[in-house]
Amino acid sequence: MATLERTYIIPLRKEFQKVPTYKKSKKAMKAVKEFMARHMRTDMENVKVMRELNLAIWKHGIRNPPHKVKVQCTKDDKGVVLVQLFGKPFPQAPKAPEKKGIAAKVAERITGKKEEAKKETTPPTKPEASNEGHAHAKPEEKKETPKPAPKPAAPKPAAPKAPAPAQKPAPTHRQTPQQGH
């Protein structure tokens, strides 16, 4: 499997200056995909941007993407390009189990290597697993200890209410300031 690995510094400023401020990070993401499609000679649909690079571009929100970003990219045989922030590892795909021929399967049955390997790798972790051979064996029952009931909170004594201050009667007529001293 021949893969192509390269490192690029992608200039984003010229691209996101062409759009309004509320679309800058979206345009920066499109610019990354267009740049990688052009330089790795593939379609934009085959360019996959990894999570760390996406977070780095969107770090300061939609209005303030970075002016340039350094990336690593790999292209596989199918033409799929994975783009990752420089210095971050690429995620490893899980390996598919190898298919064995009929001769290998027969040899396994005769020697019993596969069965021994399974027994070694999966030791019984629960006590119920050891009772599997006994038909009438009962699993251990858990004894629950009763929890004491919570005590009700004692009511607080009510504080005596202070008497309301006496209100001054409203004046019935308007008092005028005194004139002449």
N, C-alpha and C. Protein backbone atom coordinates (compact mmCIF):
# COMPACT_ATOMS: atom_id res chain seq x y z
N MET A 1 0.85 -1.18 0.00
CA MET A 1 0.00 0.00 0.00
C MET A 1 0.89 1.23 0.00
N ALA A 2 0.97 1.88 -1.12
CA ALA A 2 1.81 3.07 -1.26
C ALA A 2 1.00 4.30 -0.91
N THR A 3 1.48 5.02 0.11
CA THR A 3 0.81 6.25 0.49
C THR A 3 1.73 7.41 0.22
N LEU A 4 1.11 8.53 -0.07
CA LEU A 4 1.84 9.75 -0.34
C LEU A 4 1.67 10.67 0.85
N GLU A 5 2.78 11.08 1.49
CA GLU A 5 2.72 11.95 2.65
C GLU A 5 3.44 13.25 2.33
N ARG A 6 2.79 14.36 2.69
CA ARG A 6 3.37 15.68 2.45
C ARG A 6 3.01 16.62 3.58
N THR A 7 3.76 17.71 3.69
CA THR A 7 3.50 18.77 4.67
C THR A 7 3.34 20.08 3.90
N TYR A 8 2.31 20.84 4.24
CA TYR A 8 2.05 22.12 3.57
C TYR A 8 1.75 23.20 4.60
N ILE A 9 2.02 24.45 4.23
CA ILE A 9 1.53 25.61 4.97
C ILE A 9 0.49 26.25 4.05
N ILE A 10 -0.75 26.22 4.50
CA ILE A 10 -1.86 26.68 3.65
C ILE A 10 -2.18 28.13 4.00
N PRO A 11 -2.06 29.05 3.02
CA PRO A 11 -2.44 30.44 3.28
C PRO A 11 -3.96 30.58 3.19
N LEU A 12 -4.57 31.10 4.24
CA LEU A 12 -6.01 31.22 4.28
C LEU A 12 -6.50 32.66 4.16
N ARG A 13 -5.66 33.64 4.46
CA ARG A 13 -6.12 35.03 4.55
C ARG A 13 -6.70 35.55 3.24
N LYS A 14 -6.03 35.28 2.13
CA LYS A 14 -6.53 35.79 0.84
C LYS A 14 -7.91 35.23 0.52
N GLU A 15 -8.16 34.02 0.96
CA GLU A 15 -9.45 33.39 0.67
C GLU A 15 -10.56 33.93 1.55
N PHE A 16 -10.32 34.01 2.86
CA PHE A 16 -11.42 34.45 3.72
C PHE A 16 -11.64 35.94 3.72
N GLN A 17 -10.74 36.71 3.08
CA GLN A 17 -10.99 38.15 2.93
C GLN A 17 -12.04 38.43 1.86
N LYS A 18 -12.33 37.44 1.04
CA LYS A 18 -13.29 37.62 -0.04
C LYS A 18 -14.75 37.51 0.42
N VAL A 19 -14.97 37.09 1.67
CA VAL A 19 -16.33 36.87 2.17
C VAL A 19 -16.60 37.78 3.36
N PRO A 20 -17.89 37.97 3.73
CA PRO A 20 -18.21 38.77 4.91
C PRO A 20 -17.65 38.13 6.19
N THR A 21 -17.58 38.94 7.24
CA THR A 21 -16.94 38.46 8.47
C THR A 21 -17.67 37.28 9.09
N TYR A 22 -18.96 37.17 8.90
CA TYR A 22 -19.69 36.08 9.54
C TYR A 22 -19.57 34.77 8.77
N LYS A 23 -18.75 34.72 7.73
CA LYS A 23 -18.54 33.48 6.97
C LYS A 23 -17.06 33.10 6.86
N LYS A 24 -16.19 33.76 7.61
CA LYS A 24 -14.75 33.59 7.40
C LYS A 24 -14.25 32.17 7.69
N SER A 25 -14.63 31.58 8.80
CA SER A 25 -14.11 30.24 9.11
C SER A 25 -14.67 29.19 8.17
N LYS A 26 -15.92 29.36 7.73
CA LYS A 26 -16.48 28.44 6.74
C LYS A 26 -15.67 28.49 5.45
N LYS A 27 -15.33 29.68 5.02
CA LYS A 27 -14.54 29.85 3.80
C LYS A 27 -13.14 29.28 4.00
N ALA A 28 -12.58 29.44 5.20
CA ALA A 28 -11.25 28.89 5.46
C ALA A 28 -11.26 27.37 5.34
N MET A 29 -12.32 26.72 5.82
CA MET A 29 -12.42 25.26 5.68
C MET A 29 -12.52 24.86 4.21
N LYS A 30 -13.30 25.61 3.45
CA LYS A 30 -13.40 25.32 2.01
C LYS A 30 -12.05 25.52 1.34
N ALA A 31 -11.32 26.55 1.77
CA ALA A 31 -10.02 26.84 1.18
C ALA A 31 -9.04 25.70 1.45
N VAL A 32 -9.10 25.12 2.65
CA VAL A 32 -8.22 23.98 2.98
C VAL A 32 -8.53 22.81 2.05
N LYS A 33 -9.82 22.52 1.88
CA LYS A 33 -10.19 21.39 1.01
C LYS A 33 -9.81 21.65 -0.45
N GLU A 34 -10.02 22.88 -0.93
CA GLU A 34 -9.66 23.20 -2.32
C GLU A 34 -8.15 23.11 -2.52
N PHE A 35 -7.39 23.64 -1.56
CA PHE A 35 -5.93 23.60 -1.64
C PHE A 35 -5.44 22.16 -1.70
N MET A 36 -5.97 21.31 -0.80
CA MET A 36 -5.52 19.92 -0.77
C MET A 36 -5.95 19.16 -2.02
N ALA A 37 -7.14 19.44 -2.54
CA ALA A 37 -7.58 18.77 -3.76
C ALA A 37 -6.67 19.15 -4.93
N ARG A 38 -6.29 20.40 -4.99
CA ARG A 38 -5.43 20.87 -6.08
C ARG A 38 -4.02 20.28 -5.96
N HIS A 39 -3.45 20.29 -4.76
CA HIS A 39 -2.06 19.87 -4.61
C HIS A 39 -1.88 18.35 -4.52
N MET A 40 -2.92 17.64 -4.10
CA MET A 40 -2.81 16.19 -4.02
C MET A 40 -3.48 15.51 -5.22
N ARG A 41 -3.97 16.29 -6.14
CA ARG A 41 -4.58 15.81 -7.39
C ARG A 41 -5.71 14.80 -7.14
N THR A 42 -6.76 15.29 -6.48
CA THR A 42 -7.94 14.48 -6.21
C THR A 42 -9.15 15.40 -6.18
N ASP A 43 -10.33 14.82 -5.99
CA ASP A 43 -11.56 15.61 -5.90
C ASP A 43 -11.74 16.13 -4.48
N MET A 44 -12.55 17.20 -4.34
CA MET A 44 -12.81 17.75 -3.01
C MET A 44 -13.58 16.78 -2.14
N GLU A 45 -14.38 15.89 -2.74
CA GLU A 45 -15.14 14.92 -1.95
C GLU A 45 -14.23 13.91 -1.26
N ASN A 46 -13.02 13.71 -1.82
CA ASN A 46 -12.09 12.74 -1.26
C ASN A 46 -11.16 13.34 -0.20
N VAL A 47 -11.31 14.62 0.11
CA VAL A 47 -10.47 15.26 1.11
C VAL A 47 -11.20 15.20 2.45
N LYS A 48 -10.56 14.58 3.44
CA LYS A 48 -11.13 14.44 4.78
C LYS A 48 -10.28 15.25 5.77
N VAL A 49 -10.91 16.23 6.41
CA VAL A 49 -10.23 17.08 7.38
C VAL A 49 -10.40 16.46 8.76
N MET A 50 -9.31 16.24 9.46
CA MET A 50 -9.36 15.63 10.79
C MET A 50 -9.84 16.63 11.84
N ARG A 51 -10.25 16.11 12.98
CA ARG A 51 -10.89 16.90 14.03
C ARG A 51 -9.98 18.01 14.57
N GLU A 52 -8.69 17.72 14.82
CA GLU A 52 -7.79 18.71 15.40
C GLU A 52 -7.61 19.92 14.49
N LEU A 53 -7.53 19.68 13.17
CA LEU A 53 -7.40 20.79 12.22
C LEU A 53 -8.68 21.62 12.21
N ASN A 54 -9.82 20.97 12.24
CA ASN A 54 -11.10 21.68 12.28
C ASN A 54 -11.18 22.55 13.53
N LEU A 55 -10.80 22.00 14.67
CA LEU A 55 -10.84 22.77 15.92
C LEU A 55 -9.86 23.94 15.89
N ALA A 56 -8.70 23.76 15.26
CA ALA A 56 -7.71 24.83 15.18
C ALA A 56 -8.24 25.99 14.33
N ILE A 57 -8.95 25.70 13.25
CA ILE A 57 -9.48 26.76 12.40
C ILE A 57 -10.63 27.48 13.09
N TRP A 58 -11.47 26.75 13.82
CA TRP A 58 -12.63 27.34 14.48
C TRP A 58 -12.34 27.81 15.91
N LYS A 59 -11.08 27.77 16.33
CA LYS A 59 -10.71 28.07 17.71
C LYS A 59 -11.20 29.44 18.18
N HIS A 60 -11.08 30.45 17.35
CA HIS A 60 -11.47 31.81 17.73
C HIS A 60 -12.82 32.21 17.15
N GLY A 61 -13.60 31.24 16.77
CA GLY A 61 -14.95 31.52 16.29
C GLY A 61 -15.02 31.65 14.78
N ILE A 62 -16.20 32.01 14.31
CA ILE A 62 -16.44 32.08 12.86
C ILE A 62 -15.81 33.31 12.23
N ARG A 63 -15.56 34.36 13.03
CA ARG A 63 -15.08 35.62 12.47
C ARG A 63 -13.57 35.75 12.43
N ASN A 64 -12.83 34.91 13.17
CA ASN A 64 -11.38 35.08 13.28
C ASN A 64 -10.60 33.79 13.06
N PRO A 65 -10.58 33.24 11.85
CA PRO A 65 -9.76 32.04 11.62
C PRO A 65 -8.29 32.44 11.54
N PRO A 66 -7.37 31.48 11.65
CA PRO A 66 -5.94 31.80 11.52
C PRO A 66 -5.61 32.21 10.09
N HIS A 67 -4.56 33.02 9.92
CA HIS A 67 -4.19 33.49 8.59
C HIS A 67 -3.53 32.41 7.76
N LYS A 68 -2.85 31.48 8.41
CA LYS A 68 -2.25 30.33 7.72
C LYS A 68 -2.20 29.17 8.69
N VAL A 69 -2.12 27.97 8.16
CA VAL A 69 -2.11 26.77 8.99
C VAL A 69 -1.16 25.74 8.37
N LYS A 70 -0.37 25.08 9.23
CA LYS A 70 0.56 24.06 8.78
C LYS A 70 -0.08 22.69 8.95
N VAL A 71 -0.11 21.90 7.89
CA VAL A 71 -0.81 20.62 7.91
C VAL A 71 0.07 19.50 7.38
N GLN A 72 -0.28 18.27 7.77
CA GLN A 72 0.28 17.06 7.20
C GLN A 72 -0.84 16.38 6.44
N CYS A 73 -0.53 15.74 5.33
CA CYS A 73 -1.57 15.04 4.60
C CYS A 73 -1.03 13.72 4.06
N THR A 74 -1.93 12.77 3.95
CA THR A 74 -1.59 11.48 3.36
C THR A 74 -2.66 11.12 2.34
N LYS A 75 -2.21 10.50 1.28
CA LYS A 75 -3.14 10.05 0.23
C LYS A 75 -2.95 8.56 0.07
N ASP A 76 -4.06 7.81 0.15
CA ASP A 76 -3.96 6.37 0.01
C ASP A 76 -4.22 5.95 -1.44
N ASP A 77 -4.23 4.65 -1.68
CA ASP A 77 -4.39 4.12 -3.04
C ASP A 77 -5.75 4.44 -3.65
N LYS A 78 -6.76 4.60 -2.81
CA LYS A 78 -8.11 4.89 -3.30
C LYS A 78 -8.30 6.36 -3.65
N GLY A 79 -7.32 7.20 -3.34
CA GLY A 79 -7.42 8.62 -3.65
C GLY A 79 -7.98 9.45 -2.51
N VAL A 80 -8.16 8.86 -1.33
CA VAL A 80 -8.68 9.59 -0.18
C VAL A 80 -7.52 10.30 0.51
N VAL A 81 -7.70 11.61 0.71
CA VAL A 81 -6.67 12.43 1.33
C VAL A 81 -7.11 12.77 2.75
N LEU A 82 -6.27 12.42 3.74
CA LEU A 82 -6.52 12.77 5.14
C LEU A 82 -5.64 13.96 5.49
N VAL A 83 -6.24 15.03 6.01
CA VAL A 83 -5.50 16.24 6.35
C VAL A 83 -5.55 16.41 7.86
N GLN A 84 -4.37 16.54 8.48
CA GLN A 84 -4.26 16.65 9.92
C GLN A 84 -3.37 17.84 10.28
N LEU A 85 -3.63 18.46 11.42
CA LEU A 85 -2.80 19.54 11.92
C LEU A 85 -1.38 19.01 12.10
N PHE A 86 -0.39 19.82 11.77
CA PHE A 86 1.00 19.38 11.83
C PHE A 86 1.37 19.00 13.25
N GLY A 87 2.00 17.84 13.39
CA GLY A 87 2.44 17.37 14.69
C GLY A 87 1.47 16.43 15.38
N LYS A 88 0.27 16.31 14.89
CA LYS A 88 -0.72 15.42 15.48
C LYS A 88 -0.69 14.09 14.73
N PRO A 89 -0.87 12.96 15.42
CA PRO A 89 -0.84 11.67 14.74
C PRO A 89 -2.14 11.40 13.99
N PHE A 90 -2.03 10.64 12.93
CA PHE A 90 -3.21 10.23 12.18
C PHE A 90 -3.88 9.08 12.91
N PRO A 91 -5.22 9.02 12.91
CA PRO A 91 -5.89 7.90 13.58
C PRO A 91 -5.64 6.61 12.81
N GLN A 92 -5.43 5.54 13.56
CA GLN A 92 -5.17 4.25 12.94
C GLN A 92 -6.49 3.51 12.73
N ALA A 93 -6.71 3.03 11.53
CA ALA A 93 -7.91 2.26 11.23
C ALA A 93 -7.78 0.87 11.84
N PRO A 94 -8.86 0.33 12.37
CA PRO A 94 -8.77 -1.03 12.92
C PRO A 94 -8.47 -2.04 11.82
N LYS A 95 -7.59 -2.97 12.14
CA LYS A 95 -7.20 -3.97 11.14
C LYS A 95 -8.26 -5.05 11.04
N ALA A 96 -8.57 -5.44 9.82
CA ALA A 96 -9.54 -6.50 9.58
C ALA A 96 -8.88 -7.84 9.89
N PRO A 97 -9.62 -8.77 10.45
CA PRO A 97 -9.02 -10.07 10.74
C PRO A 97 -8.62 -10.76 9.43
N GLU A 98 -7.49 -11.44 9.51
CA GLU A 98 -6.99 -12.12 8.32
C GLU A 98 -7.83 -13.35 8.01
N LYS A 99 -8.09 -13.57 6.75
CA LYS A 99 -8.84 -14.75 6.34
C LYS A 99 -7.87 -15.91 6.21
N LYS A 100 -8.28 -17.04 6.74
CA LYS A 100 -7.43 -18.21 6.71
C LYS A 100 -7.97 -19.22 5.71
N GLY A 101 -7.07 -19.95 5.14
CA GLY A 101 -7.45 -20.98 4.19
C GLY A 101 -7.97 -22.22 4.91
N ILE A 102 -8.45 -23.15 4.14
CA ILE A 102 -9.01 -24.38 4.70
C ILE A 102 -7.93 -25.18 5.43
N ALA A 103 -6.73 -25.21 4.88
CA ALA A 103 -5.64 -25.96 5.51
C ALA A 103 -5.32 -25.40 6.90
N ALA A 104 -5.32 -24.08 7.04
CA ALA A 104 -5.02 -23.47 8.34
C ALA A 104 -6.12 -23.76 9.35
N LYS A 105 -7.38 -23.77 8.89
CA LYS A 105 -8.50 -24.07 9.79
C LYS A 105 -8.43 -25.51 10.28
N VAL A 106 -8.12 -26.44 9.38
CA VAL A 106 -8.01 -27.85 9.76
C VAL A 106 -6.86 -28.04 10.74
N ALA A 107 -5.74 -27.38 10.48
CA ALA A 107 -4.59 -27.50 11.38
C ALA A 107 -4.94 -26.95 12.76
N GLU A 108 -5.72 -25.88 12.83
CA GLU A 108 -6.15 -25.32 14.12
C GLU A 108 -7.02 -26.31 14.88
N ARG A 109 -7.93 -26.96 14.19
CA ARG A 109 -8.81 -27.92 14.84
C ARG A 109 -8.03 -29.10 15.40
N ILE A 110 -7.04 -29.54 14.65
CA ILE A 110 -6.26 -30.71 15.08
C ILE A 110 -5.40 -30.35 16.28
N THR A 111 -4.71 -29.23 16.20
CA THR A 111 -3.78 -28.88 17.28
C THR A 111 -4.50 -28.20 18.44
N GLY A 112 -5.60 -27.54 18.19
CA GLY A 112 -6.36 -26.88 19.26
C GLY A 112 -5.71 -25.60 19.76
N LYS A 113 -4.90 -24.96 18.95
CA LYS A 113 -4.21 -23.73 19.37
C LYS A 113 -5.19 -22.59 19.60
N LYS A 114 -6.19 -22.48 18.79
CA LYS A 114 -7.13 -21.37 18.89
C LYS A 114 -7.92 -21.45 20.19
N GLU A 115 -8.34 -22.64 20.58
CA GLU A 115 -9.11 -22.81 21.81
C GLU A 115 -8.28 -22.45 23.03
N GLU A 116 -7.01 -22.84 23.06
CA GLU A 116 -6.14 -22.52 24.19
C GLU A 116 -5.94 -21.01 24.29
N ALA A 117 -5.79 -20.36 23.16
CA ALA A 117 -5.57 -18.91 23.17
C ALA A 117 -6.80 -18.20 23.72
N LYS A 118 -7.99 -18.67 23.38
CA LYS A 118 -9.21 -18.05 23.89
C LYS A 118 -9.31 -18.20 25.40
N LYS A 119 -8.98 -19.39 25.91
CA LYS A 119 -9.07 -19.63 27.34
C LYS A 119 -8.10 -18.75 28.12
N GLU A 120 -6.91 -18.52 27.58
CA GLU A 120 -5.92 -17.69 28.26
C GLU A 120 -6.31 -16.22 28.25
N THR A 121 -6.91 -15.75 27.18
CA THR A 121 -7.21 -14.33 27.07
C THR A 121 -8.47 -13.92 27.81
N THR A 122 -9.42 -14.85 28.05
CA THR A 122 -10.65 -14.48 28.72
C THR A 122 -10.84 -15.29 30.00
N PRO A 123 -10.13 -14.88 31.08
CA PRO A 123 -10.34 -15.58 32.35
C PRO A 123 -11.67 -15.15 32.95
N PRO A 124 -12.31 -16.01 33.73
CA PRO A 124 -13.59 -15.64 34.31
C PRO A 124 -13.39 -14.50 35.31
N THR A 125 -14.19 -13.46 35.17
CA THR A 125 -14.07 -12.30 36.04
C THR A 125 -15.15 -12.28 37.10
N LYS A 126 -16.28 -12.94 36.88
CA LYS A 126 -17.38 -12.94 37.82
C LYS A 126 -17.42 -14.29 38.53
N PRO A 127 -17.92 -14.34 39.77
CA PRO A 127 -18.02 -15.63 40.44
C PRO A 127 -19.07 -16.52 39.79
N GLU A 128 -20.06 -15.95 39.08
CA GLU A 128 -21.07 -16.74 38.40
C GLU A 128 -20.46 -17.56 37.27
N ALA A 129 -19.36 -17.06 36.68
CA ALA A 129 -18.75 -17.75 35.55
C ALA A 129 -18.20 -19.10 35.98
N SER A 130 -17.76 -19.23 37.24
CA SER A 130 -17.21 -20.51 37.68
C SER A 130 -18.30 -21.54 37.94
N ASN A 131 -19.56 -21.12 38.11
CA ASN A 131 -20.66 -22.02 38.37
C ASN A 131 -21.40 -22.45 37.10
N GLU A 132 -20.86 -22.14 35.96
CA GLU A 132 -21.56 -22.45 34.71
C GLU A 132 -21.75 -23.95 34.50
N GLY A 133 -20.83 -24.78 34.98
CA GLY A 133 -20.92 -26.22 34.76
C GLY A 133 -21.97 -26.89 35.62
N HIS A 134 -22.35 -26.29 36.72
CA HIS A 134 -23.33 -26.87 37.62
C HIS A 134 -24.72 -26.38 37.26
N ALA A 135 -25.62 -27.34 37.05
CA ALA A 135 -26.97 -26.97 36.63
C ALA A 135 -27.78 -26.40 37.78
N HIS A 136 -27.56 -26.90 39.01
CA HIS A 136 -28.37 -26.47 40.14
C HIS A 136 -27.66 -25.46 41.03
N ALA A 137 -26.52 -24.98 40.62
CA ALA A 137 -25.79 -24.02 41.46
C ALA A 137 -26.50 -22.68 41.40
N LYS A 138 -26.66 -22.08 42.57
CA LYS A 138 -27.33 -20.78 42.65
C LYS A 138 -26.28 -19.69 42.75
N PRO A 139 -26.49 -18.58 42.05
CA PRO A 139 -25.54 -17.48 42.19
C PRO A 139 -25.67 -16.86 43.58
N GLU A 140 -24.59 -16.29 44.05
CA GLU A 140 -24.60 -15.69 45.37
C GLU A 140 -25.55 -14.49 45.38
N GLU A 141 -26.32 -14.42 46.46
CA GLU A 141 -27.25 -13.30 46.58
C GLU A 141 -26.58 -12.18 47.34
N LYS A 142 -26.88 -10.97 46.94
CA LYS A 142 -26.32 -9.81 47.62
C LYS A 142 -27.24 -9.46 48.79
N LYS A 143 -26.66 -9.31 49.95
CA LYS A 143 -27.45 -8.92 51.11
C LYS A 143 -27.41 -7.41 51.23
N GLU A 144 -28.60 -6.83 51.27
CA GLU A 144 -28.68 -5.38 51.37
C GLU A 144 -28.88 -5.01 52.83
N THR A 145 -28.13 -4.06 53.27
CA THR A 145 -28.29 -3.57 54.63
C THR A 145 -29.30 -2.44 54.59
N PRO A 146 -30.29 -2.47 55.49
CA PRO A 146 -31.30 -1.40 55.44
C PRO A 146 -30.68 -0.08 55.89
N LYS A 147 -31.00 0.94 55.16
CA LYS A 147 -30.49 2.27 55.47
C LYS A 147 -31.43 2.91 56.49
N PRO A 148 -30.87 3.59 57.48
CA PRO A 148 -31.74 4.25 58.45
C PRO A 148 -32.49 5.40 57.77
N ALA A 149 -33.74 5.58 58.20
CA ALA A 149 -34.56 6.63 57.61
C ALA A 149 -34.02 7.99 58.05
N PRO A 150 -34.02 8.97 57.16
CA PRO A 150 -33.50 10.29 57.53
C PRO A 150 -34.42 10.93 58.57
N LYS A 151 -33.79 11.60 59.52
CA LYS A 151 -34.55 12.25 60.59
C LYS A 151 -35.18 13.53 60.05
N PRO A 152 -36.44 13.80 60.43
CA PRO A 152 -37.06 15.04 59.96
C PRO A 152 -36.41 16.23 60.66
N ALA A 153 -36.30 17.30 59.94
CA ALA A 153 -35.67 18.50 60.48
C ALA A 153 -36.61 19.14 61.49
N ALA A 154 -36.03 19.60 62.59
CA ALA A 154 -36.85 20.24 63.64
C ALA A 154 -37.32 21.60 63.13
N PRO A 155 -38.60 21.97 63.37
CA PRO A 155 -39.07 23.27 62.90
C PRO A 155 -38.42 24.39 63.70
N LYS A 156 -38.08 25.45 63.01
CA LYS A 156 -37.44 26.60 63.65
C LYS A 156 -38.51 27.42 64.35
N PRO A 157 -38.20 27.95 65.53
CA PRO A 157 -39.19 28.80 66.21
C PRO A 157 -39.37 30.10 65.43
N ALA A 158 -40.61 30.55 65.39
CA ALA A 158 -40.91 31.78 64.65
C ALA A 158 -40.41 32.97 65.45
N ALA A 159 -39.76 33.89 64.77
CA ALA A 159 -39.25 35.10 65.42
C ALA A 159 -40.42 36.03 65.68
N PRO A 160 -40.42 36.71 66.84
CA PRO A 160 -41.53 37.64 67.11
C PRO A 160 -41.48 38.79 66.12
N LYS A 161 -42.64 39.17 65.65
CA LYS A 161 -42.72 40.24 64.66
C LYS A 161 -42.63 41.57 65.37
N ALA A 162 -41.87 42.46 64.81
CA ALA A 162 -41.74 43.81 65.36
C ALA A 162 -42.98 44.61 64.98
N PRO A 163 -43.45 45.48 65.88
CA PRO A 163 -44.63 46.28 65.54
C PRO A 163 -44.32 47.23 64.40
N ALA A 164 -45.29 47.44 63.55
CA ALA A 164 -45.12 48.33 62.40
C ALA A 164 -44.97 49.76 62.91
N PRO A 165 -44.07 50.55 62.30
CA PRO A 165 -43.91 51.94 62.74
C PRO A 165 -45.18 52.73 62.45
N ALA A 166 -45.45 53.65 63.35
CA ALA A 166 -46.66 54.47 63.19
C ALA A 166 -46.50 55.38 62.00
N GLN A 167 -47.53 55.47 61.22
CA GLN A 167 -47.47 56.32 60.03
C GLN A 167 -47.98 57.70 60.40
N LYS A 168 -47.34 58.68 59.80
CA LYS A 168 -47.76 60.05 60.03
C LYS A 168 -49.03 60.30 59.23
N PRO A 169 -49.97 61.02 59.80
CA PRO A 169 -51.18 61.31 59.03
C PRO A 169 -50.86 62.25 57.88
N ALA A 170 -51.53 62.03 56.77
CA ALA A 170 -51.31 62.86 55.60
C ALA A 170 -51.84 64.26 55.89
N PRO A 171 -51.10 65.28 55.45
CA PRO A 171 -51.58 66.64 55.69
C PRO A 171 -52.86 66.90 54.91
N THR A 172 -53.78 67.60 55.57
CA THR A 172 -55.05 67.89 54.92
C THR A 172 -54.99 69.13 54.07
N HIS A 173 -54.11 70.01 54.42
CA HIS A 173 -53.96 71.23 53.62
C HIS A 173 -52.47 71.47 53.38
N ARG A 174 -52.21 72.25 52.39
CA ARG A 174 -50.83 72.49 52.00
C ARG A 174 -50.28 73.60 52.91
N GLN A 175 -49.15 73.31 53.48
CA GLN A 175 -48.52 74.34 54.31
C GLN A 175 -47.63 75.19 53.45
N THR A 176 -47.69 76.46 53.66
CA THR A 176 -46.88 77.38 52.87
C THR A 176 -45.69 77.82 53.69
N PRO A 177 -44.59 78.10 53.05
CA PRO A 177 -43.44 78.56 53.82
C PRO A 177 -43.74 79.92 54.45
N GLN A 178 -43.17 80.14 55.58
CA GLN A 178 -43.44 81.39 56.29
C GLN A 178 -42.69 82.52 55.63
N GLN A 179 -43.37 83.63 55.50
CA GLN A 179 -42.77 84.78 54.85
C GLN A 179 -42.46 85.84 55.90
N GLY A 180 -41.44 86.53 55.67
CA GLY A 180 -41.04 87.65 56.52
C GLY A 180 -40.56 87.23 57.88
N HIS A 181 -39.39 87.49 58.16
CA HIS A 181 -38.81 87.08 59.43
C HIS A 181 -38.83 88.17 60.39
